């Protein structure tokens, strides 16, 4: 595979270096970051999920939110 040299400012290099994961190369990091989706790219991704499954997911998320709220409230009371 051929390679190209690019010039980066010191701050851009430091940002890219911080974004590297594990033993990922800079090329791998740039590829991963370039694949990131925008919110608009995700529109319709869940369109084929049956209504029953979406309802179950929604209920699960509401229950998780309720429990998280209770847990945070309990922690705030204990920390007072």
PDB file of N, CA and C in Angstrom:
ATOM      1  N   UNK A   1       0.845  -1.172   0.000  1.00  0.00           N
ATOM      2  CA  UNK A   1       0.000   0.000   0.000  1.00  0.00           C
ATOM      3  C   UNK A   1       0.890   1.235   0.000  1.00  0.00           C
ATOM      4  N   UNK A   2       0.538   2.177  -0.823  1.00  0.00           N
ATOM      5  CA  UNK A   2       1.313   3.416  -0.853  1.00  0.00           C
ATOM      6  C   UNK A   2       0.906   4.296   0.316  1.00  0.00           C
ATOM      7  N   UNK A   3       1.733   5.266   0.599  1.00  0.00           N
ATOM      8  CA  UNK A   3       1.410   6.185   1.690  1.00  0.00           C
ATOM      9  C   UNK A   3       1.634   7.608   1.229  1.00  0.00           C
ATOM     10  N   UNK A   4       1.016   8.529   1.919  1.00  0.00           N
ATOM     11  CA  UNK A   4       1.147   9.961   1.653  1.00  0.00           C
ATOM     12  C   UNK A   4       1.550  10.641   2.948  1.00  0.00           C
ATOM     13  N   UNK A   5       2.357  11.639   2.843  1.00  0.00           N
ATOM     14  CA  UNK A   5       2.710  12.456   3.998  1.00  0.00           C
ATOM     15  C   UNK A   5       1.768  13.640   4.052  1.00  0.00           C
ATOM     16  N   UNK A   6       1.297  13.942   5.247  1.00  0.00           N
ATOM     17  CA  UNK A   6       0.461  15.118   5.426  1.00  0.00           C
ATOM     18  C   UNK A   6       1.057  15.976   6.527  1.00  0.00           C
ATOM     19  N   UNK A   7       0.745  17.234   6.486  1.00  0.00           N
ATOM     20  CA  UNK A   7       1.258  18.161   7.481  1.00  0.00           C
ATOM     21  C   UNK A   7       0.120  18.521   8.432  1.00  0.00           C
ATOM     22  N   UNK A   8       0.392  18.442   9.724  1.00  0.00           N
ATOM     23  CA  UNK A   8      -0.587  18.811  10.748  1.00  0.00           C
ATOM     24  C   UNK A   8       0.033  19.839  11.678  1.00  0.00           C
ATOM     25  N   UNK A   9      -0.795  20.742  12.145  1.00  0.00           N
ATOM     26  CA  UNK A   9      -0.309  21.640  13.187  1.00  0.00           C
ATOM     27  C   UNK A   9      -0.133  20.817  14.455  1.00  0.00           C
ATOM     28  N   UNK A  10       0.649  21.317  15.369  1.00  0.00           N
ATOM     29  CA  UNK A  10       0.913  20.601  16.616  1.00  0.00           C
ATOM     30  C   UNK A  10      -0.382  20.293  17.368  1.00  0.00           C
ATOM     31  N   UNK A  11      -1.315  21.271  17.427  1.00  0.00           N
ATOM     32  CA  UNK A  11      -2.560  21.045  18.164  1.00  0.00           C
ATOM     33  C   UNK A  11      -3.425  19.986  17.478  1.00  0.00           C
ATOM     34  N   UNK A  12      -3.449  19.963  16.139  1.00  0.00           N
ATOM     35  CA  UNK A  12      -4.219  18.941  15.419  1.00  0.00           C
ATOM     36  C   UNK A  12      -3.614  17.557  15.657  1.00  0.00           C
ATOM     37  N   UNK A  13      -2.304  17.476  15.659  1.00  0.00           N
ATOM     38  CA  UNK A  13      -1.617  16.212  15.935  1.00  0.00           C
ATOM     39  C   UNK A  13      -1.959  15.704  17.329  1.00  0.00           C
ATOM     40  N   UNK A  14      -1.932  16.595  18.316  1.00  0.00           N
ATOM     41  CA  UNK A  14      -2.236  16.199  19.693  1.00  0.00           C
ATOM     42  C   UNK A  14      -3.676  15.719  19.822  1.00  0.00           C
ATOM     43  N   UNK A  15      -4.606  16.396  19.130  1.00  0.00           N
ATOM     44  CA  UNK A  15      -6.003  15.950  19.140  1.00  0.00           C
ATOM     45  C   UNK A  15      -6.138  14.564  18.542  1.00  0.00           C
ATOM     46  N   UNK A  16      -5.508  14.343  17.397  1.00  0.00           N
ATOM     47  CA  UNK A  16      -5.572  13.043  16.738  1.00  0.00           C
ATOM     48  C   UNK A  16      -4.946  11.964  17.615  1.00  0.00           C
ATOM     49  N   UNK A  17      -3.840  12.287  18.239  1.00  0.00           N
ATOM     50  CA  UNK A  17      -3.147  11.345  19.125  1.00  0.00           C
ATOM     51  C   UNK A  17      -4.050  10.936  20.287  1.00  0.00           C
ATOM     52  N   UNK A  18      -4.800  11.895  20.848  1.00  0.00           N
ATOM     53  CA  UNK A  18      -5.722  11.596  21.953  1.00  0.00           C
ATOM     54  C   UNK A  18      -6.888  10.719  21.510  1.00  0.00           C
ATOM     55  N   UNK A  19      -7.223  10.776  20.220  1.00  0.00           N
ATOM     56  CA  UNK A  19      -8.353  10.012  19.705  1.00  0.00           C
ATOM     57  C   UNK A  19      -7.991   8.582  19.334  1.00  0.00           C
ATOM     58  N   UNK A  20      -6.690   8.273  19.298  1.00  0.00           N
ATOM     59  CA  UNK A  20      -6.254   6.912  18.991  1.00  0.00           C
ATOM     60  C   UNK A  20      -6.747   5.965  20.079  1.00  0.00           C
ATOM     61  N   UNK A  21      -7.123   4.768  19.652  1.00  0.00           N
ATOM     62  CA  UNK A  21      -7.601   3.755  20.582  1.00  0.00           C
ATOM     63  C   UNK A  21      -6.650   2.571  20.570  1.00  0.00           C
ATOM     64  N   UNK A  22      -6.174   2.184  21.744  1.00  0.00           N
ATOM     65  CA  UNK A  22      -5.307   1.016  21.853  1.00  0.00           C
ATOM     66  C   UNK A  22      -4.103   1.088  20.942  1.00  0.00           C
ATOM     67  N   UNK A  23      -3.907   0.021  20.155  1.00  0.00           N
ATOM     68  CA  UNK A  23      -2.754  -0.030  19.254  1.00  0.00           C
ATOM     69  C   UNK A  23      -3.109   0.439  17.847  1.00  0.00           C
ATOM     70  N   UNK A  24      -4.165   1.220  17.735  1.00  0.00           N
ATOM     71  CA  UNK A  24      -4.636   1.746  16.456  1.00  0.00           C
ATOM     72  C   UNK A  24      -3.576   2.665  15.840  1.00  0.00           C
ATOM     73  N   UNK A  25      -3.399   2.552  14.533  1.00  0.00           N
ATOM     74  CA  UNK A  25      -2.473   3.453  13.833  1.00  0.00           C
ATOM     75  C   UNK A  25      -3.188   4.780  13.575  1.00  0.00           C
ATOM     76  N   UNK A  26      -2.419   5.795  13.193  1.00  0.00           N
ATOM     77  CA  UNK A  26      -3.049   7.070  12.844  1.00  0.00           C
ATOM     78  C   UNK A  26      -3.980   6.884  11.646  1.00  0.00           C
ATOM     79  N   UNK A  27      -3.592   6.062  10.683  1.00  0.00           N
ATOM     80  CA  UNK A  27      -4.456   5.802   9.528  1.00  0.00           C
ATOM     81  C   UNK A  27      -5.769   5.161   9.967  1.00  0.00           C
ATOM     82  N   UNK A  28      -5.683   4.170  10.870  1.00  0.00           N
ATOM     83  CA  UNK A  28      -6.896   3.533  11.389  1.00  0.00           C
ATOM     84  C   UNK A  28      -7.782   4.539  12.116  1.00  0.00           C
ATOM     85  N   UNK A  29      -7.152   5.426  12.891  1.00  0.00           N
ATOM     86  CA  UNK A  29      -7.902   6.441  13.630  1.00  0.00           C
ATOM     87  C   UNK A  29      -8.635   7.369  12.670  1.00  0.00           C
ATOM     88  N   UNK A  30      -7.952   7.816  11.642  1.00  0.00           N
ATOM     89  CA  UNK A  30      -8.575   8.715  10.665  1.00  0.00           C
ATOM     90  C   UNK A  30      -9.712   8.005   9.945  1.00  0.00           C
ATOM     91  N   UNK A  31      -9.514   6.737   9.572  1.00  0.00           N
ATOM     92  CA  UNK A  31     -10.594   5.975   8.924  1.00  0.00           C
ATOM     93  C   UNK A  31     -11.812   5.867   9.834  1.00  0.00           C
ATOM     94  N   UNK A  32     -11.572   5.541  11.116  1.00  0.00           N
ATOM     95  CA  UNK A  32     -12.675   5.398  12.076  1.00  0.00           C
ATOM     96  C   UNK A  32     -13.426   6.710  12.225  1.00  0.00           C
ATOM     97  N   UNK A  33     -12.689   7.797  12.380  1.00  0.00           N
ATOM     98  CA  UNK A  33     -13.325   9.103  12.558  1.00  0.00           C
ATOM     99  C   UNK A  33     -14.076   9.545  11.306  1.00  0.00           C
ATOM    100  N   UNK A  34     -13.560   9.204  10.146  1.00  0.00           N
ATOM    101  CA  UNK A  34     -14.199   9.595   8.889  1.00  0.00           C
ATOM    102  C   UNK A  34     -15.509   8.838   8.667  1.00  0.00           C
ATOM    103  N   UNK A  35     -15.645   7.671   9.283  1.00  0.00           N
ATOM    104  CA  UNK A  35     -16.870   6.872   9.136  1.00  0.00           C
ATOM    105  C   UNK A  35     -17.982   7.325  10.064  1.00  0.00           C
ATOM    106  N   UNK A  36     -17.699   8.211  11.000  1.00  0.00           N
ATOM    107  CA  UNK A  36     -18.730   8.650  11.939  1.00  0.00           C
ATOM    108  C   UNK A  36     -19.950   9.133  11.185  1.00  0.00           C
ATOM    109  N   UNK A  37     -21.104   8.759  11.716  1.00  0.00           N
ATOM    110  CA  UNK A  37     -22.356   9.153  11.085  1.00  0.00           C
ATOM    111  C   UNK A  37     -22.887  10.438  11.682  1.00  0.00           C
ATOM    112  N   UNK A  38     -23.522  11.185  10.824  1.00  0.00           N
ATOM    113  CA  UNK A  38     -24.255  12.345  11.303  1.00  0.00           C
ATOM    114  C   UNK A  38     -25.652  11.885  11.692  1.00  0.00           C
ATOM    115  N   UNK A  39     -26.306  12.633  12.541  1.00  0.00           N
ATOM    116  CA  UNK A  39     -27.651  12.270  12.969  1.00  0.00           C
ATOM    117  C   UNK A  39     -28.568  12.072  11.770  1.00  0.00           C
ATOM    118  N   UNK A  40     -28.451  12.914  10.779  1.00  0.00           N
ATOM    119  CA  UNK A  40     -29.310  12.804   9.598  1.00  0.00           C
ATOM    120  C   UNK A  40     -29.060  11.499   8.834  1.00  0.00           C
ATOM    121  N   UNK A  41     -27.849  10.942   8.953  1.00  0.00           N
ATOM    122  CA  UNK A  41     -27.550   9.666   8.304  1.00  0.00           C
ATOM    123  C   UNK A  41     -28.291   8.505   8.961  1.00  0.00           C
ATOM    124  N   UNK A  42     -28.737   8.701  10.185  1.00  0.00           N
ATOM    125  CA  UNK A  42     -29.385   7.638  10.953  1.00  0.00           C
ATOM    126  C   UNK A  42     -30.904   7.626  10.795  1.00  0.00           C
ATOM    127  N   UNK A  43     -31.448   8.641  10.154  1.00  0.00           N
ATOM    128  CA  UNK A  43     -32.899   8.724   9.985  1.00  0.00           C
ATOM    129  C   UNK A  43     -33.414   7.481   9.279  1.00  0.00           C
ATOM    130  N   UNK A  44     -34.394   6.847   9.878  1.00  0.00           N
ATOM    131  CA  UNK A  44     -35.032   5.686   9.275  1.00  0.00           C
ATOM    132  C   UNK A  44     -34.377   4.357   9.567  1.00  0.00           C
ATOM    133  N   UNK A  45     -33.270   4.338  10.309  1.00  0.00           N
ATOM    134  CA  UNK A  45     -32.579   3.070  10.574  1.00  0.00           C
ATOM    135  C   UNK A  45     -33.454   2.085  11.345  1.00  0.00           C
ATOM    136  N   UNK A  46     -34.371   2.593  12.159  1.00  0.00           N
ATOM    137  CA  UNK A  46     -35.213   1.720  12.964  1.00  0.00           C
ATOM    138  C   UNK A  46     -36.594   1.543  12.351  1.00  0.00           C
ATOM    139  N   UNK A  47     -36.753   1.974  11.106  1.00  0.00           N
ATOM    140  CA  UNK A  47     -38.055   1.948  10.459  1.00  0.00           C
ATOM    141  C   UNK A  47     -38.657   0.567  10.295  1.00  0.00           C
ATOM    142  N   UNK A  48     -37.837  -0.471  10.208  1.00  0.00           N
ATOM    143  CA  UNK A  48     -38.374  -1.817   9.996  1.00  0.00           C
ATOM    144  C   UNK A  48     -38.539  -2.613  11.283  1.00  0.00           C
ATOM    145  N   UNK A  49     -38.319  -1.979  12.446  1.00  0.00           N
ATOM    146  CA  UNK A  49     -38.514  -2.657  13.725  1.00  0.00           C
ATOM    147  C   UNK A  49     -40.018  -2.689  14.009  1.00  0.00           C
ATOM    148  N   UNK A  50     -40.555  -3.880  14.302  1.00  0.00           N
ATOM    149  CA  UNK A  50     -41.997  -3.992  14.561  1.00  0.00           C
ATOM    150  C   UNK A  50     -42.444  -3.105  15.725  1.00  0.00           C
ATOM    151  N   UNK A  51     -43.685  -2.633  15.645  1.00  0.00           N
ATOM    152  CA  UNK A  51     -44.234  -1.747  16.671  1.00  0.00           C
ATOM    153  C   UNK A  51     -44.151  -2.358  18.065  1.00  0.00           C
ATOM    154  N   UNK A  52     -44.379  -3.667  18.170  1.00  0.00           N
ATOM    155  CA  UNK A  52     -44.337  -4.323  19.489  1.00  0.00           C
ATOM    156  C   UNK A  52     -42.942  -4.222  20.106  1.00  0.00           C
ATOM    157  N   UNK A  53     -41.919  -4.402  19.288  1.00  0.00           N
ATOM    158  CA  UNK A  53     -40.550  -4.305  19.782  1.00  0.00           C
ATOM    159  C   UNK A  53     -40.196  -2.873  20.171  1.00  0.00           C
ATOM    160  N   UNK A  54     -40.665  -1.908  19.385  1.00  0.00           N
ATOM    161  CA  UNK A  54     -40.412  -0.498  19.719  1.00  0.00           C
ATOM    162  C   UNK A  54     -41.102  -0.128  21.027  1.00  0.00           C
ATOM    163  N   UNK A  55     -42.310  -0.639  21.231  1.00  0.00           N
ATOM    164  CA  UNK A  55     -43.037  -0.373  22.468  1.00  0.00           C
ATOM    165  C   UNK A  55     -42.299  -0.994  23.657  1.00  0.00           C
ATOM    166  N   UNK A  56     -41.814  -2.217  23.498  1.00  0.00           N
ATOM    167  CA  UNK A  56     -41.068  -2.874  24.577  1.00  0.00           C
ATOM    168  C   UNK A  56     -39.785  -2.104  24.878  1.00  0.00           C
ATOM    169  N   UNK A  57     -39.100  -1.653  23.855  1.00  0.00           N
ATOM    170  CA  UNK A  57     -37.884  -0.866  24.043  1.00  0.00           C
ATOM    171  C   UNK A  57     -38.194   0.437  24.766  1.00  0.00           C
ATOM    172  N   UNK A  58     -39.252   1.094  24.350  1.00  0.00           N
ATOM    173  CA  UNK A  58     -39.655   2.353  24.973  1.00  0.00           C
ATOM    174  C   UNK A  58     -39.973   2.147  26.458  1.00  0.00           C
ATOM    175  N   UNK A  59     -40.709   1.090  26.760  1.00  0.00           N
ATOM    176  CA  UNK A  59     -41.044   0.793  28.158  1.00  0.00           C
ATOM    177  C   UNK A  59     -39.790   0.495  28.969  1.00  0.00           C
ATOM    178  N   UNK A  60     -38.857  -0.243  28.387  1.00  0.00           N
ATOM    179  CA  UNK A  60     -37.608  -0.553  29.081  1.00  0.00           C
ATOM    180  C   UNK A  60     -36.804   0.712  29.368  1.00  0.00           C
ATOM    181  N   UNK A  61     -36.756   1.604  28.400  1.00  0.00           N
ATOM    182  CA  UNK A  61     -36.027   2.859  28.600  1.00  0.00           C
ATOM    183  C   UNK A  61     -36.682   3.727  29.668  1.00  0.00           C
ATOM    184  N   UNK A  62     -38.002   3.766  29.684  1.00  0.00           N
ATOM    185  CA  UNK A  62     -38.709   4.531  30.720  1.00  0.00           C
ATOM    186  C   UNK A  62     -38.452   3.945  32.101  1.00  0.00           C
ATOM    187  N   UNK A  63     -38.437   2.628  32.203  1.00  0.00           N
ATOM    188  CA  UNK A  63     -38.154   1.964  33.484  1.00  0.00           C
ATOM    189  C   UNK A  63     -36.724   2.253  33.928  1.00  0.00           C
ATOM    190  N   UNK A  64     -35.789   2.197  33.002  1.00  0.00           N
ATOM    191  CA  UNK A  64     -34.393   2.505  33.327  1.00  0.00           C
ATOM    192  C   UNK A  64     -34.264   3.951  33.799  1.00  0.00           C
ATOM    193  N   UNK A  65     -34.935   4.861  33.132  1.00  0.00           N
ATOM    194  CA  UNK A  65     -34.912   6.269  33.526  1.00  0.00           C
ATOM    195  C   UNK A  65     -35.492   6.440  34.935  1.00  0.00           C
ATOM    196  N   UNK A  66     -36.602   5.733  35.212  1.00  0.00           N
ATOM    197  CA  UNK A  66     -37.226   5.824  36.540  1.00  0.00           C
ATOM    198  C   UNK A  66     -36.265   5.317  37.617  1.00  0.00           C
ATOM    199  N   UNK A  67     -35.653   4.147  37.362  1.00  0.00           N
ATOM    200  CA  UNK A  67     -34.732   3.574  38.357  1.00  0.00           C
ATOM    201  C   UNK A  67     -33.500   4.442  38.555  1.00  0.00           C
ATOM    202  N   UNK A  68     -32.996   5.002  37.478  1.00  0.00           N
ATOM    203  CA  UNK A  68     -31.824   5.875  37.572  1.00  0.00           C
ATOM    204  C   UNK A  68     -32.158   7.097  38.412  1.00  0.00           C
ATOM    205  N   UNK A  69     -33.341   7.683  38.180  1.00  0.00           N
ATOM    206  CA  UNK A  69     -33.782   8.832  38.967  1.00  0.00           C
ATOM    207  C   UNK A  69     -33.885   8.496  40.440  1.00  0.00           C
ATOM    208  N   UNK A  70     -34.460   7.329  40.738  1.00  0.00           N
ATOM    209  CA  UNK A  70     -34.581   6.906  42.135  1.00  0.00           C
ATOM    210  C   UNK A  70     -33.207   6.710  42.763  1.00  0.00           C
ATOM    211  N   UNK A  71     -32.309   6.113  42.015  1.00  0.00           N
ATOM    212  CA  UNK A  71     -30.962   5.872  42.514  1.00  0.00           C
ATOM    213  C   UNK A  71     -30.235   7.184  42.792  1.00  0.00           C
ATOM    214  N   UNK A  72     -30.375   8.137  41.878  1.00  0.00           N
ATOM    215  CA  UNK A  72     -29.740   9.435  42.080  1.00  0.00           C
ATOM    216  C   UNK A  72     -30.328  10.170  43.270  1.00  0.00           C
ATOM    217  N   UNK A  73     -31.650  10.085  43.423  1.00  0.00           N
ATOM    218  CA  UNK A  73     -32.299  10.711  44.558  1.00  0.00           C
ATOM    219  C   UNK A  73     -31.822  10.086  45.874  1.00  0.00           C
ATOM    220  N   UNK A  74     -31.707   8.769  45.900  1.00  0.00           N
ATOM    221  CA  UNK A  74     -31.245   8.079  47.104  1.00  0.00           C
ATOM    222  C   UNK A  74     -29.815   8.492  47.435  1.00  0.00           C
ATOM    223  N   UNK A  75     -28.973   8.599  46.415  1.00  0.00           N
ATOM    224  CA  UNK A  75     -27.593   9.012  46.625  1.00  0.00           C
ATOM    225  C   UNK A  75     -27.504  10.444  47.138  1.00  0.00           C
ATOM    226  N   UNK A  76     -28.375  11.307  46.648  1.00  0.00           N
ATOM    227  CA  UNK A  76     -28.387  12.698  47.096  1.00  0.00           C
ATOM    228  C   UNK A  76     -28.819  12.790  48.543  1.00  0.00           C
ATOM    229  N   UNK A  77     -29.770  11.950  48.936  1.00  0.00           N
ATOM    230  CA  UNK A  77     -30.241  11.963  50.322  1.00  0.00           C
ATOM    231  C   UNK A  77     -29.146  11.429  51.248  1.00  0.00           C
ATOM    232  N   UNK A  78     -28.478  10.343  50.833  1.00  0.00           N
ATOM    233  CA  UNK A  78     -27.407   9.772  51.643  1.00  0.00           C
ATOM    234  C   UNK A  78     -26.233  10.740  51.762  1.00  0.00           C
ATOM    235  N   UNK A  79     -25.966  11.501  50.708  1.00  0.00           N
ATOM    236  CA  UNK A  79     -24.843  12.426  50.702  1.00  0.00           C
ATOM    237  C   UNK A  79     -25.111  13.708  51.468  1.00  0.00           C
ATOM    238  N   UNK A  80     -26.364  13.937  51.849  1.00  0.00           N
ATOM    239  CA  UNK A  80     -26.715  15.191  52.546  1.00  0.00           C
ATOM    240  C   UNK A  80     -26.221  15.208  53.963  1.00  0.00           C
TER     241      UNK A  80
END
